[in-house]
Amino acid sequence: MGLLKSGKRGEEQEEPVGNRNRNGNRNRNEELEKELQQSHEREEIMREELKRAWERLRVAEEAEERLSSQLGELEAEALTQARDYHQQIASLMNQLSRAHQLLQANNLF
């Protein structure tokens, strides 16, 4: 195993190369573990955001279904009202036509 000189304030100590590599590896491992922990934390935050987004989507889809159902009911009601209105107009036109015919028959018009 080779030796390295450590430059500590005027002291010259020899440090084995293997110790230096171990310390470097230990430091690198600590950095990687910290990065991994941060990555896990970001992942958890993203999962929570995704859950909230899915919940908002579910609520929006349910609202869309309710609105669609209500719209269908309103369309059916509008169609019924339009038919009733059309029947009423046809009836009034028939009454007006008969009244006109009576007036013409009696030479009042």
PDB file of N, CA and C in Angstrom:
ATOM      1  N   MET A   1       0.857  -1.154   0.000  1.00  0.00           N
ATOM      2  CA  MET A   1       0.000   0.000   0.000  1.00  0.00           C
ATOM      3  C   MET A   1       0.911   1.226   0.000  1.00  0.00           C
ATOM      4  N   GLY A   2       0.595   2.218  -0.898  1.00  0.00           N
ATOM      5  CA  GLY A   2       1.417   3.415  -0.991  1.00  0.00           C
ATOM      6  C   GLY A   2       1.077   4.412   0.103  1.00  0.00           C
ATOM      7  N   LEU A   3       1.900   5.421   0.242  1.00  0.00           N
ATOM      8  CA  LEU A   3       1.690   6.442   1.265  1.00  0.00           C
ATOM      9  C   LEU A   3       1.545   7.795   0.593  1.00  0.00           C
ATOM     10  N   LEU A   4       0.680   8.636   1.150  1.00  0.00           N
ATOM     11  CA  LEU A   4       0.492   9.996   0.665  1.00  0.00           C
ATOM     12  C   LEU A   4       0.870  10.945   1.778  1.00  0.00           C
ATOM     13  N   LYS A   5       1.372  12.099   1.393  1.00  0.00           N
ATOM     14  CA  LYS A   5       1.682  13.103   2.400  1.00  0.00           C
ATOM     15  C   LYS A   5       0.462  13.973   2.592  1.00  0.00           C
ATOM     16  N   SER A   6       0.093  14.172   3.827  1.00  0.00           N
ATOM     17  CA  SER A   6      -1.042  14.998   4.174  1.00  0.00           C
ATOM     18  C   SER A   6      -0.511  16.367   4.544  1.00  0.00           C
ATOM     19  N   GLY A   7      -1.070  17.412   3.938  1.00  0.00           N
ATOM     20  CA  GLY A   7      -0.573  18.752   4.189  1.00  0.00           C
ATOM     21  C   GLY A   7      -1.338  19.442   5.286  1.00  0.00           C
ATOM     22  N   LYS A   8      -1.094  19.128   6.539  1.00  0.00           N
ATOM     23  CA  LYS A   8      -1.772  19.765   7.653  1.00  0.00           C
ATOM     24  C   LYS A   8      -0.819  20.736   8.316  1.00  0.00           C
ATOM     25  N   ARG A   9      -0.989  21.990   8.116  1.00  0.00           N
ATOM     26  CA  ARG A   9      -0.290  23.091   8.768  1.00  0.00           C
ATOM     27  C   ARG A   9       1.151  22.776   9.163  1.00  0.00           C
ATOM     28  N   GLY A  10       1.868  22.611   8.203  1.00  0.00           N
ATOM     29  CA  GLY A  10       3.285  22.430   8.463  1.00  0.00           C
ATOM     30  C   GLY A  10       3.654  21.026   8.887  1.00  0.00           C
ATOM     31  N   GLU A  11       2.693  20.211   9.236  1.00  0.00           N
ATOM     32  CA  GLU A  11       3.011  18.835   9.633  1.00  0.00           C
ATOM     33  C   GLU A  11       3.003  17.983   8.391  1.00  0.00           C
ATOM     34  N   GLU A  12       3.925  17.135   8.343  1.00  0.00           N
ATOM     35  CA  GLU A  12       3.911  16.195   7.242  1.00  0.00           C
ATOM     36  C   GLU A  12       3.669  14.832   7.810  1.00  0.00           C
ATOM     37  N   GLN A  13       2.422  14.369   7.601  1.00  0.00           N
ATOM     38  CA  GLN A  13       2.076  13.030   8.055  1.00  0.00           C
ATOM     39  C   GLN A  13       1.788  12.194   6.828  1.00  0.00           C
ATOM     40  N   GLU A  14       2.155  11.013   6.938  1.00  0.00           N
ATOM     41  CA  GLU A  14       1.888  10.120   5.821  1.00  0.00           C
ATOM     42  C   GLU A  14       0.603   9.370   6.100  1.00  0.00           C
ATOM     43  N   GLU A  15      -0.283   9.383   5.090  1.00  0.00           N
ATOM     44  CA  GLU A  15      -1.590   8.729   5.228  1.00  0.00           C
ATOM     45  C   GLU A  15      -1.649   7.624   4.187  1.00  0.00           C
ATOM     46  N   PRO A  16      -2.002   6.438   4.574  1.00  0.00           N
ATOM     47  CA  PRO A  16      -2.095   5.360   3.585  1.00  0.00           C
ATOM     48  C   PRO A  16      -3.137   5.693   2.523  1.00  0.00           C
ATOM     49  N   VAL A  17      -2.836   5.330   1.270  1.00  0.00           N
ATOM     50  CA  VAL A  17      -3.742   5.589   0.155  1.00  0.00           C
ATOM     51  C   VAL A  17      -5.076   4.886   0.383  1.00  0.00           C
ATOM     52  N   GLY A  18      -5.070   3.717   0.958  1.00  0.00           N
ATOM     53  CA  GLY A  18      -6.300   2.968   1.211  1.00  0.00           C
ATOM     54  C   GLY A  18      -7.244   3.718   2.136  1.00  0.00           C
ATOM     55  N   ASN A  19      -6.700   4.394   3.174  1.00  0.00           N
ATOM     56  CA  ASN A  19      -7.553   5.178   4.079  1.00  0.00           C
ATOM     57  C   ASN A  19      -8.203   6.343   3.348  1.00  0.00           C
ATOM     58  N   ARG A  20      -7.419   6.968   2.504  1.00  0.00           N
ATOM     59  CA  ARG A  20      -7.949   8.103   1.740  1.00  0.00           C
ATOM     60  C   ARG A  20      -9.091   7.649   0.841  1.00  0.00           C
ATOM     61  N   ASN A  21      -8.932   6.532   0.164  1.00  0.00           N
ATOM     62  CA  ASN A  21      -9.978   5.989  -0.709  1.00  0.00           C
ATOM     63  C   ASN A  21     -11.219   5.615   0.100  1.00  0.00           C
ATOM     64  N   ARG A  22     -11.007   5.037   1.284  1.00  0.00           N
ATOM     65  CA  ARG A  22     -12.152   4.673   2.130  1.00  0.00           C
ATOM     66  C   ARG A  22     -12.910   5.909   2.573  1.00  0.00           C
ATOM     67  N   ASN A  23     -12.160   6.931   2.976  1.00  0.00           N
ATOM     68  CA  ASN A  23     -12.807   8.179   3.393  1.00  0.00           C
ATOM     69  C   ASN A  23     -13.568   8.812   2.224  1.00  0.00           C
ATOM     70  N   GLY A  24     -12.951   8.792   1.062  1.00  0.00           N
ATOM     71  CA  GLY A  24     -13.615   9.327  -0.140  1.00  0.00           C
ATOM     72  C   GLY A  24     -14.857   8.538  -0.472  1.00  0.00           C
ATOM     73  N   ASN A  25     -14.750   7.215  -0.371  1.00  0.00           N
ATOM     74  CA  ASN A  25     -15.907   6.367  -0.648  1.00  0.00           C
ATOM     75  C   ASN A  25     -17.006   6.591   0.390  1.00  0.00           C
ATOM     76  N   ARG A  26     -16.608   6.740   1.646  1.00  0.00           N
ATOM     77  CA  ARG A  26     -17.586   6.972   2.718  1.00  0.00           C
ATOM     78  C   ARG A  26     -18.318   8.289   2.463  1.00  0.00           C
ATOM     79  N   ASN A  27     -17.555   9.315   2.119  1.00  0.00           N
ATOM     80  CA  ASN A  27     -18.165  10.612   1.828  1.00  0.00           C
ATOM     81  C   ASN A  27     -19.102  10.519   0.625  1.00  0.00           C
ATOM     82  N   ARG A  28     -18.641   9.826  -0.389  1.00  0.00           N
ATOM     83  CA  ARG A  28     -19.475   9.668  -1.603  1.00  0.00           C
ATOM     84  C   ARG A  28     -20.740   8.886  -1.268  1.00  0.00           C
ATOM     85  N   ASN A  29     -20.607   7.837  -0.465  1.00  0.00           N
ATOM     86  CA  ASN A  29     -21.780   7.059  -0.071  1.00  0.00           C
ATOM     87  C   ASN A  29     -22.770   7.914   0.714  1.00  0.00           C
ATOM     88  N   GLU A  30     -22.252   8.759   1.594  1.00  0.00           N
ATOM     89  CA  GLU A  30     -23.126   9.651   2.369  1.00  0.00           C
ATOM     90  C   GLU A  30     -23.857  10.620   1.440  1.00  0.00           C
ATOM     91  N   GLU A  31     -23.137  11.145   0.457  1.00  0.00           N
ATOM     92  CA  GLU A  31     -23.766  12.046  -0.514  1.00  0.00           C
ATOM     93  C   GLU A  31     -24.855  11.317  -1.294  1.00  0.00           C
ATOM     94  N   LEU A  32     -24.535  10.093  -1.735  1.00  0.00           N
ATOM     95  CA  LEU A  32     -25.505   9.310  -2.504  1.00  0.00           C
ATOM     96  C   LEU A  32     -26.727   8.952  -1.660  1.00  0.00           C
ATOM     97  N   GLU A  33     -26.499   8.604  -0.395  1.00  0.00           N
ATOM     98  CA  GLU A  33     -27.618   8.289   0.484  1.00  0.00           C
ATOM     99  C   GLU A  33     -28.496   9.512   0.704  1.00  0.00           C
ATOM    100  N   LYS A  34     -27.863  10.670   0.844  1.00  0.00           N
ATOM    101  CA  LYS A  34     -28.620  11.906   1.019  1.00  0.00           C
ATOM    102  C   LYS A  34     -29.441  12.202  -0.238  1.00  0.00           C
ATOM    103  N   GLU A  35     -28.829  12.055  -1.399  1.00  0.00           N
ATOM    104  CA  GLU A  35     -29.535  12.260  -2.661  1.00  0.00           C
ATOM    105  C   GLU A  35     -30.680  11.273  -2.813  1.00  0.00           C
ATOM    106  N   LEU A  36     -30.444  10.017  -2.413  1.00  0.00           N
ATOM    107  CA  LEU A  36     -31.495   9.001  -2.487  1.00  0.00           C
ATOM    108  C   LEU A  36     -32.659   9.366  -1.576  1.00  0.00           C
ATOM    109  N   GLN A  37     -32.364   9.820  -0.378  1.00  0.00           N
ATOM    110  CA  GLN A  37     -33.412  10.232   0.566  1.00  0.00           C
ATOM    111  C   GLN A  37     -34.215  11.398  -0.009  1.00  0.00           C
ATOM    112  N   GLN A  38     -33.507  12.373  -0.587  1.00  0.00           N
ATOM    113  CA  GLN A  38     -34.191  13.508  -1.197  1.00  0.00           C
ATOM    114  C   GLN A  38     -35.060  13.053  -2.364  1.00  0.00           C
ATOM    115  N   SER A  39     -34.547  12.099  -3.117  1.00  0.00           N
ATOM    116  CA  SER A  39     -35.310  11.558  -4.241  1.00  0.00           C
ATOM    117  C   SER A  39     -36.585  10.876  -3.746  1.00  0.00           C
ATOM    118  N   HIS A  40     -36.461  10.098  -2.653  1.00  0.00           N
ATOM    119  CA  HIS A  40     -37.636   9.444  -2.071  1.00  0.00           C
ATOM    120  C   HIS A  40     -38.647  10.479  -1.578  1.00  0.00           C
ATOM    121  N   GLU A  41     -38.155  11.553  -0.987  1.00  0.00           N
ATOM    122  CA  GLU A  41     -39.047  12.609  -0.500  1.00  0.00           C
ATOM    123  C   GLU A  41     -39.774  13.281  -1.671  1.00  0.00           C
ATOM    124  N   ARG A  42     -39.029  13.568  -2.746  1.00  0.00           N
ATOM    125  CA  ARG A  42     -39.665  14.164  -3.936  1.00  0.00           C
ATOM    126  C   ARG A  42     -40.687  13.210  -4.537  1.00  0.00           C
ATOM    127  N   GLU A  43     -40.347  11.933  -4.564  1.00  0.00           N
ATOM    128  CA  GLU A  43     -41.261  10.926  -5.101  1.00  0.00           C
ATOM    129  C   GLU A  43     -42.551  10.883  -4.273  1.00  0.00           C
ATOM    130  N   GLU A  44     -42.436  10.937  -2.968  1.00  0.00           N
ATOM    131  CA  GLU A  44     -43.612  10.912  -2.095  1.00  0.00           C
ATOM    132  C   GLU A  44     -44.472  12.157  -2.321  1.00  0.00           C
ATOM    133  N   ILE A  45     -43.824  13.299  -2.474  1.00  0.00           N
ATOM    134  CA  ILE A  45     -44.565  14.536  -2.757  1.00  0.00           C
ATOM    135  C   ILE A  45     -45.313  14.403  -4.077  1.00  0.00           C
ATOM    136  N   MET A  46     -44.641  13.862  -5.081  1.00  0.00           N
ATOM    137  CA  MET A  46     -45.274  13.685  -6.392  1.00  0.00           C
ATOM    138  C   MET A  46     -46.437  12.700  -6.309  1.00  0.00           C
ATOM    139  N   ARG A  47     -46.283  11.641  -5.510  1.00  0.00           N
ATOM    140  CA  ARG A  47     -47.387  10.688  -5.342  1.00  0.00           C
ATOM    141  C   ARG A  47     -48.599  11.361  -4.722  1.00  0.00           C
ATOM    142  N   GLU A  48     -48.356  12.211  -3.720  1.00  0.00           N
ATOM    143  CA  GLU A  48     -49.458  12.927  -3.074  1.00  0.00           C
ATOM    144  C   GLU A  48     -50.125  13.881  -4.066  1.00  0.00           C
ATOM    145  N   GLU A  49     -49.322  14.573  -4.861  1.00  0.00           N
ATOM    146  CA  GLU A  49     -49.882  15.468  -5.871  1.00  0.00           C
ATOM    147  C   GLU A  49     -50.701  14.683  -6.894  1.00  0.00           C
ATOM    148  N   LEU A  50     -50.189  13.519  -7.277  1.00  0.00           N
ATOM    149  CA  LEU A  50     -50.914  12.673  -8.224  1.00  0.00           C
ATOM    150  C   LEU A  50     -52.240  12.202  -7.630  1.00  0.00           C
ATOM    151  N   LYS A  51     -52.226  11.817  -6.358  1.00  0.00           N
ATOM    152  CA  LYS A  51     -53.469  11.399  -5.690  1.00  0.00           C
ATOM    153  C   LYS A  51     -54.483  12.545  -5.692  1.00  0.00           C
ATOM    154  N   ARG A  52     -54.009  13.749  -5.372  1.00  0.00           N
ATOM    155  CA  ARG A  52     -54.920  14.902  -5.357  1.00  0.00           C
ATOM    156  C   ARG A  52     -55.463  15.178  -6.756  1.00  0.00           C
ATOM    157  N   ALA A  53     -54.612  15.036  -7.762  1.00  0.00           N
ATOM    158  CA  ALA A  53     -55.059  15.261  -9.140  1.00  0.00           C
ATOM    159  C   ALA A  53     -56.094  14.213  -9.541  1.00  0.00           C
ATOM    160  N   TRP A  54     -55.865  12.947  -9.174  1.00  0.00           N
ATOM    161  CA  TRP A  54     -56.834  11.886  -9.479  1.00  0.00           C
ATOM    162  C   TRP A  54     -58.162  12.158  -8.779  1.00  0.00           C
ATOM    163  N   GLU A  55     -58.108  12.646  -7.545  1.00  0.00           N
ATOM    164  CA  GLU A  55     -59.332  12.962  -6.807  1.00  0.00           C
ATOM    165  C   GLU A  55     -60.083  14.104  -7.486  1.00  0.00           C
ATOM    166  N   ARG A  56     -59.335  15.142  -7.913  1.00  0.00           N
ATOM    167  CA  ARG A  56     -59.986  16.245  -8.624  1.00  0.00           C
ATOM    168  C   ARG A  56     -60.610  15.747  -9.927  1.00  0.00           C
ATOM    169  N   LEU A  57     -59.923  14.861 -10.612  1.00  0.00           N
ATOM    170  CA  LEU A  57     -60.450  14.298 -11.858  1.00  0.00           C
ATOM    171  C   LEU A  57     -61.719  13.505 -11.591  1.00  0.00           C
ATOM    172  N   ARG A  58     -61.710  12.691 -10.524  1.00  0.00           N
ATOM    173  CA  ARG A  58     -62.887  11.891 -10.181  1.00  0.00           C
ATOM    174  C   ARG A  58     -64.080  12.795  -9.876  1.00  0.00           C
ATOM    175  N   VAL A  59     -63.839  13.851  -9.107  1.00  0.00           N
ATOM    176  CA  VAL A  59     -64.907  14.791  -8.767  1.00  0.00           C
ATOM    177  C   VAL A  59     -65.425  15.471 -10.038  1.00  0.00           C
ATOM    178  N   ALA A  60     -64.523  15.863 -10.911  1.00  0.00           N
ATOM    179  CA  ALA A  60     -64.925  16.523 -12.158  1.00  0.00           C
ATOM    180  C   ALA A  60     -65.741  15.577 -13.039  1.00  0.00           C
ATOM    181  N   GLU A  61     -65.341  14.305 -13.103  1.00  0.00           N
ATOM    182  CA  GLU A  61     -66.081  13.339 -13.910  1.00  0.00           C
ATOM    183  C   GLU A  61     -67.473  13.103 -13.337  1.00  0.00           C
ATOM    184  N   GLU A  62     -67.584  13.028 -12.020  1.00  0.00           N
ATOM    185  CA  GLU A  62     -68.891  12.858 -11.392  1.00  0.00           C
ATOM    186  C   GLU A  62     -69.771  14.077 -11.670  1.00  0.00           C
ATOM    187  N   ALA A  63     -69.191  15.255 -11.582  1.00  0.00           N
ATOM    188  CA  ALA A  63     -69.944  16.478 -11.873  1.00  0.00           C
ATOM    189  C   ALA A  63     -70.395  16.493 -13.324  1.00  0.00           C
ATOM    190  N   GLU A  64     -69.528  16.060 -14.209  1.00  0.00           N
ATOM    191  CA  GLU A  64     -69.878  16.000 -15.632  1.00  0.00           C
ATOM    192  C   GLU A  64     -71.047  15.046 -15.854  1.00  0.00           C
ATOM    193  N   GLU A  65     -71.017  13.895 -15.186  1.00  0.00           N
ATOM    194  CA  GLU A  65     -72.114  12.936 -15.319  1.00  0.00           C
ATOM    195  C   GLU A  65     -73.427  13.530 -14.805  1.00  0.00           C
ATOM    196  N   ARG A  66     -73.364  14.204 -13.650  1.00  0.00           N
ATOM    197  CA  ARG A  66     -74.580  14.822 -13.102  1.00  0.00           C
ATOM    198  C   ARG A  66     -75.117  15.891 -14.049  1.00  0.00           C
ATOM    199  N   LEU A  67     -74.214  16.742 -14.562  1.00  0.00           N
ATOM    200  CA  LEU A  67     -74.644  17.789 -15.489  1.00  0.00           C
ATOM    201  C   LEU A  67     -75.221  17.211 -16.768  1.00  0.00           C
ATOM    202  N   SER A  68     -74.603  16.152 -17.255  1.00  0.00           N
ATOM    203  CA  SER A  68     -75.093  15.502 -18.466  1.00  0.00           C
ATOM    204  C   SER A  68     -76.493  14.936 -18.234  1.00  0.00           C
ATOM    205  N   SER A  69     -76.683  14.324 -17.079  1.00  0.00           N
ATOM    206  CA  SER A  69     -77.995  13.775 -16.733  1.00  0.00           C
ATOM    207  C   SER A  69     -79.030  14.892 -16.626  1.00  0.00           C
ATOM    208  N   GLN A  70     -78.667  15.974 -15.945  1.00  0.00           N
ATOM    209  CA  GLN A  70     -79.580  17.107 -15.803  1.00  0.00           C
ATOM    210  C   GLN A  70     -79.908  17.720 -17.161  1.00  0.00           C
ATOM    211  N   LEU A  71     -78.903  17.805 -18.014  1.00  0.00           N
ATOM    212  CA  LEU A  71     -79.122  18.351 -19.353  1.00  0.00           C
ATOM    213  C   LEU A  71     -80.098  17.472 -20.130  1.00  0.00           C
ATOM    214  N   GLY A  72     -79.939  16.152 -20.019  1.00  0.00           N
ATOM    215  CA  GLY A  72     -80.856  15.234 -20.683  1.00  0.00           C
ATOM    216  C   GLY A  72     -82.280  15.411 -20.193  1.00  0.00           C
ATOM    217  N   GLU A  73     -82.439  15.568 -18.872  1.00  0.00           N
ATOM    218  CA  GLU A  73     -83.772  15.785 -18.306  1.00  0.00           C
ATOM    219  C   GLU A  73     -84.370  17.100 -18.802  1.00  0.00           C
ATOM    220  N   LEU A  74     -83.547  18.145 -18.841  1.00  0.00           N
ATOM    221  CA  LEU A  74     -84.028  19.442 -19.327  1.00  0.00           C
ATOM    222  C   LEU A  74     -84.409  19.384 -20.804  1.00  0.00           C
ATOM    223  N   GLU A  75     -83.629  18.658 -21.592  1.00  0.00           N
ATOM    224  CA  GLU A  75     -83.955  18.517 -23.012  1.00  0.00           C
ATOM    225  C   GLU A  75     -85.281  17.797 -23.190  1.00  0.00           C
ATOM    226  N   ALA A  76     -85.491  16.745 -22.404  1.00  0.00           N
ATOM    227  CA  ALA A  76     -86.751  16.011 -22.484  1.00  0.00           C
ATOM    228  C   ALA A  76     -87.918  16.905 -22.068  1.00  0.00           C
ATOM    229  N   GLU A  77     -87.721  17.680 -21.015  1.00  0.00           N
ATOM    230  CA  GLU A  77     -88.772  18.592 -20.557  1.00  0.00           C
ATOM    231  C   GLU A  77     -89.053  19.666 -21.604  1.00  0.00           C
ATOM    232  N   ALA A  78     -87.987  20.197 -22.218  1.00  0.00           N
ATOM    233  CA  ALA A  78     -88.158  21.210 -23.252  1.00  0.00           C
ATOM    234  C   ALA A  78     -88.909  20.637 -24.455  1.00  0.00           C
ATOM    235  N   LEU A  79     -88.622  19.411 -24.809  1.00  0.00           N
ATOM    236  CA  LEU A  79     -89.305  18.772 -25.932  1.00  0.00           C
ATOM    237  C   LEU A  79     -90.789  18.592 -25.613  1.00  0.00           C
ATOM    238  N   THR A  80     -91.092  18.154 -24.403  1.00  0.00           N
ATOM    239  CA  THR A  80     -92.489  17.984 -23.987  1.00  0.00           C
ATOM    240  C   THR A  80     -93.218  19.330 -24.032  1.00  0.00           C
ATOM    241  N   GLN A  81     -92.561  20.381 -23.500  1.00  0.00           N
ATOM    242  CA  GLN A  81     -93.176  21.706 -23.515  1.00  0.00           C
ATOM    243  C   GLN A  81     -93.387  22.200 -24.950  1.00  0.00           C
ATOM    244  N   ALA A  82     -92.427  21.945 -25.816  1.00  0.00           N
ATOM    245  CA  ALA A  82     -92.552  22.363 -27.220  1.00  0.00           C
ATOM    246  C   ALA A  82     -93.713  21.640 -27.889  1.00  0.00           C
ATOM    247  N   ARG A  83     -93.882  20.351 -27.616  1.00  0.00           N
ATOM    248  CA  ARG A  83     -95.008  19.592 -28.193  1.00  0.00           C
ATOM    249  C   ARG A  83     -96.337  20.137 -27.663  1.00  0.00           C
ATOM    250  N   ASP A  84     -96.384  20.381 -26.347  1.00  0.00           N
ATOM    251  CA  ASP A  84     -97.610  20.924 -25.761  1.00  0.00           C
ATOM    252  C   ASP A  84     -97.929  22.286 -26.361  1.00  0.00           C
ATOM    253  N   TYR A  85     -96.925  23.129 -26.510  1.00  0.00           N
ATOM    254  CA  TYR A  85     -97.102  24.453 -27.081  1.00  0.00           C
ATOM    255  C   TYR A  85     -97.584  24.338 -28.530  1.00  0.00           C
ATOM    256  N   HIS A  86     -96.999  23.417 -29.265  1.00  0.00           N
ATOM    257  CA  HIS A  86     -97.409  23.218 -30.660  1.00  0.00           C
ATOM    258  C   HIS A  86     -98.860  22.766 -30.729  1.00  0.00           C
ATOM    259  N   GLN A  87     -99.256  21.863 -29.850  1.00  0.00           N
ATOM    260  CA  GLN A  87    -100.652  21.400 -29.814  1.00  0.00           C
ATOM    261  C   GLN A  87    -101.592  22.559 -29.481  1.00  0.00           C
ATOM    262  N   GLN A  88    -101.188  23.388 -28.535  1.00  0.00           N
ATOM    263  CA  GLN A  88    -102.015  24.520 -28.150  1.00  0.00           C
ATOM    264  C   GLN A  88    -102.151  25.490 -29.322  1.00  0.00           C
ATOM    265  N   ILE A  89    -101.081  25.742 -30.035  1.00  0.00           N
ATOM    266  CA  ILE A  89    -101.139  26.631 -31.210  1.00  0.00           C
ATOM    267  C   ILE A  89    -102.060  26.032 -32.264  1.00  0.00           C
ATOM    268  N   ALA A  90    -101.932  24.720 -32.521  1.00  0.00           N
ATOM    269  CA  ALA A  90    -102.783  24.066 -33.518  1.00  0.00           C
ATOM    270  C   ALA A  90    -104.252  24.166 -33.107  1.00  0.00           C
ATOM    271  N   SER A  91    -104.540  23.967 -31.831  1.00  0.00           N
ATOM    272  CA  SER A  91    -105.917  24.073 -31.340  1.00  0.00           C
ATOM    273  C   SER A  91    -106.443  25.497 -31.519  1.00  0.00           C
ATOM    274  N   LEU A  92    -105.644  26.497 -31.164  1.00  0.00           N
ATOM    275  CA  LEU A  92    -106.066  27.893 -31.322  1.00  0.00           C
ATOM    276  C   LEU A  92    -106.278  28.244 -32.795  1.00  0.00           C
ATOM    277  N   MET A  93    -105.425  27.704 -33.658  1.00  0.00           N
ATOM    278  CA  MET A  93    -105.591  27.957 -35.096  1.00  0.00           C
ATOM    279  C   MET A  93    -106.894  27.343 -35.593  1.00  0.00           C
ATOM    280  N   ASN A  94    -107.227  26.144 -35.106  1.00  0.00           N
ATOM    281  CA  ASN A  94    -108.487  25.502 -35.501  1.00  0.00           C
ATOM    282  C   ASN A  94    -109.675  26.332 -35.008  1.00  0.00           C
ATOM    283  N   GLN A  95    -109.593  26.805 -33.776  1.00  0.00           N
ATOM    284  CA  GLN A  95    -110.681  27.633 -33.245  1.00  0.00           C
ATOM    285  C   GLN A  95    -110.823  28.917 -34.051  1.00  0.00           C
ATOM    286  N   LEU A  96    -109.718  29.537 -34.376  1.00  0.00           N
ATOM    287  CA  LEU A  96    -109.752  30.762 -35.162  1.00  0.00           C
ATOM    288  C   LEU A  96    -110.321  30.496 -36.551  1.00  0.00           C
ATOM    289  N   SER A  97    -109.943  29.384 -37.144  1.00  0.00           N
ATOM    290  CA  SER A  97    -110.445  29.021 -38.472  1.00  0.00           C
ATOM    291  C   SER A  97    -111.964  28.803 -38.428  1.00  0.00           C
ATOM    292  N   ARG A  98    -112.459  28.101 -37.405  1.00  0.00           N
ATOM    293  CA  ARG A  98    -113.905  27.865 -37.277  1.00  0.00           C
ATOM    294  C   ARG A  98    -114.653  29.184 -37.052  1.00  0.00           C
ATOM    295  N   ALA A  99    -114.050  30.048 -36.224  1.00  0.00           N
ATOM    296  CA  ALA A  99    -114.680  31.345 -35.982  1.00  0.00           C
ATOM    297  C   ALA A  99    -114.727  32.148 -37.270  1.00  0.00           C
ATOM    298  N   HIS A 100    -113.676  32.116 -38.034  1.00  0.00           N
ATOM    299  CA  HIS A 100    -113.637  32.819 -39.321  1.00  0.00           C
ATOM    300  C   HIS A 100    -114.691  32.259 -40.271  1.00  0.00           C
ATOM    301  N   GLN A 101    -114.806  30.919 -40.311  1.00  0.00           N
ATOM    302  CA  GLN A 101    -115.815  30.286 -41.171  1.00  0.00           C
ATOM    303  C   GLN A 101    -117.235  30.687 -40.753  1.00  0.00           C
ATOM    304  N   LEU A 102    -117.480  30.748 -39.438  1.00  0.00           N
ATOM    305  CA  LEU A 102    -118.808  31.155 -38.949  1.00  0.00           C
ATOM    306  C   LEU A 102    -119.093  32.596 -39.344  1.00  0.00           C
ATOM    307  N   LEU A 103    -118.121  33.441 -39.242  1.00  0.00           N
ATOM    308  CA  LEU A 103    -118.309  34.828 -39.621  1.00  0.00           C
ATOM    309  C   LEU A 103    -118.598  34.953 -41.102  1.00  0.00           C
ATOM    310  N   GLN A 104    -117.870  34.187 -41.921  1.00  0.00           N
ATOM    311  CA  GLN A 104    -118.102  34.229 -43.352  1.00  0.00           C
ATOM    312  C   GLN A 104    -119.482  33.655 -43.691  1.00  0.00           C
ATOM    313  N   ALA A 105    -119.860  32.594 -42.981  1.00  0.00           N
ATOM    314  CA  ALA A 105    -121.163  31.969 -43.258  1.00  0.00           C
ATOM    315  C   ALA A 105    -122.294  32.927 -42.912  1.00  0.00           C
ATOM    316  N   ASN A 106    -122.095  33.723 -41.954  1.00  0.00           N
ATOM    317  CA  ASN A 106    -123.159  34.665 -41.538  1.00  0.00           C
ATOM    318  C   ASN A 106    -122.954  36.044 -42.176  1.00  0.00           C
ATOM    319  N   ASN A 107    -122.084  36.125 -43.100  1.00  0.00           N
ATOM    320  CA  ASN A 107    -121.784  37.364 -43.797  1.00  0.00           C
ATOM    321  C   ASN A 107    -121.441  38.507 -42.836  1.00  0.00           C
ATOM    322  N   LEU A 108    -120.783  38.183 -41.794  1.00  0.00           N
ATOM    323  CA  LEU A 108    -120.386  39.201 -40.836  1.00  0.00           C
ATOM    324  C   LEU A 108    -118.938  39.640 -41.041  1.00  0.00           C
ATOM    325  N   PHE A 109    -118.327  39.050 -41.959  1.00  0.00           N
ATOM    326  CA  PHE A 109    -116.920  39.389 -42.160  1.00  0.00           C
ATOM    327  C   PHE A 109    -116.646  39.791 -43.557  1.00  0.00           C
TER     328      PHE A 109
END
